[in-house]
C-alpha cells in the first residue's frame, strides 16, 4: 500500500490476532466476513514464488482487531470502545486534547503499557508509518508530562505545564474544536502578544494536527494570559456555562 492507503497482508494479520488460524490453516474463516471493499489483492513474492495474496485496508485491519480475543488486541478494543466511539457519539469527533480519562486507565503507567501493546501489535503487522509514529510520540509525551489528558487535576495545583498549544486551550475554556482559519488567526495574535512581552516568538514543535503534521507554537502555563487574550479578541468571552461554573 501507500502512506495514504496502507495495506497489510491479510494472513499475517490473522496470524497475529488469531493464532489458531495459523495452526489450522483456516484463514478464509476469518477473512470471508470482512467486507469486500475493505480488502484488496496484491501479487507478492513469497518463499514459494509470486502469489496473489489477499490484503487488508485500514478498515479491514480494525475490523479484525475488534473481533480478536488476543491480549494484543484487547487494549486497542478498550480504547476504541470505551473512549473513541463514546467521544464521537457525544461530540461528533475525537481528539486527544478533548478526551476524558477512563477511570480504569487513568494511570500513566497503564496508558503507556497500552500504547506499548499497540506498538507491538503494529510492529508485527509490518510497522508504523511516520504519521502514526508522530501521533504516538506526541501522546506518550503528553502522558509523561501529565498534561492534557488530566488537565483538571492540574488546575490550581501550582504545577507548571511545559507546553500548551492554542487548540488545547480553546477546548479547556469551553470553546470546543475550532476550524483551521480560526486557530491561525488566534495564533497570529497570540504570537504578536508574546513577542511584545519577550521580544521573540514563542517556541514551536512539530505536532499532528487535523490529519497532517505541522509546526505549532506552544505557550507555558505562565503565558496562558496571552493565549486567553488572543482567544477573547477573536471569539469573545468564554461560554456562559463556563463562567458560571468558575463562579461557583
Foldseek 3Di string as FASTA:
>chain_A
DDPVKDKFQQVLLCCVQPVVCVVVVPSCVQVVPQDPVQKDWDFDQDPVGTDITIIGTPVSSVVSLCPGPDPLSVLVNCCCPVWFVVCCVVPVGDDQLQTEADPVQNQLVSVVVNLVSPQVSVVSRPHDDPLVVQASVVVNVCSVQVDRRNPVVCPPPPDKRAWDFLQSVCVVLPVHGDDPVLSVQLQVQLQVVVCVVVVHGADWDWHDDPNRIDITGIDMPVSVVSSVVSCCVRPNHGDPVSVVVVVD
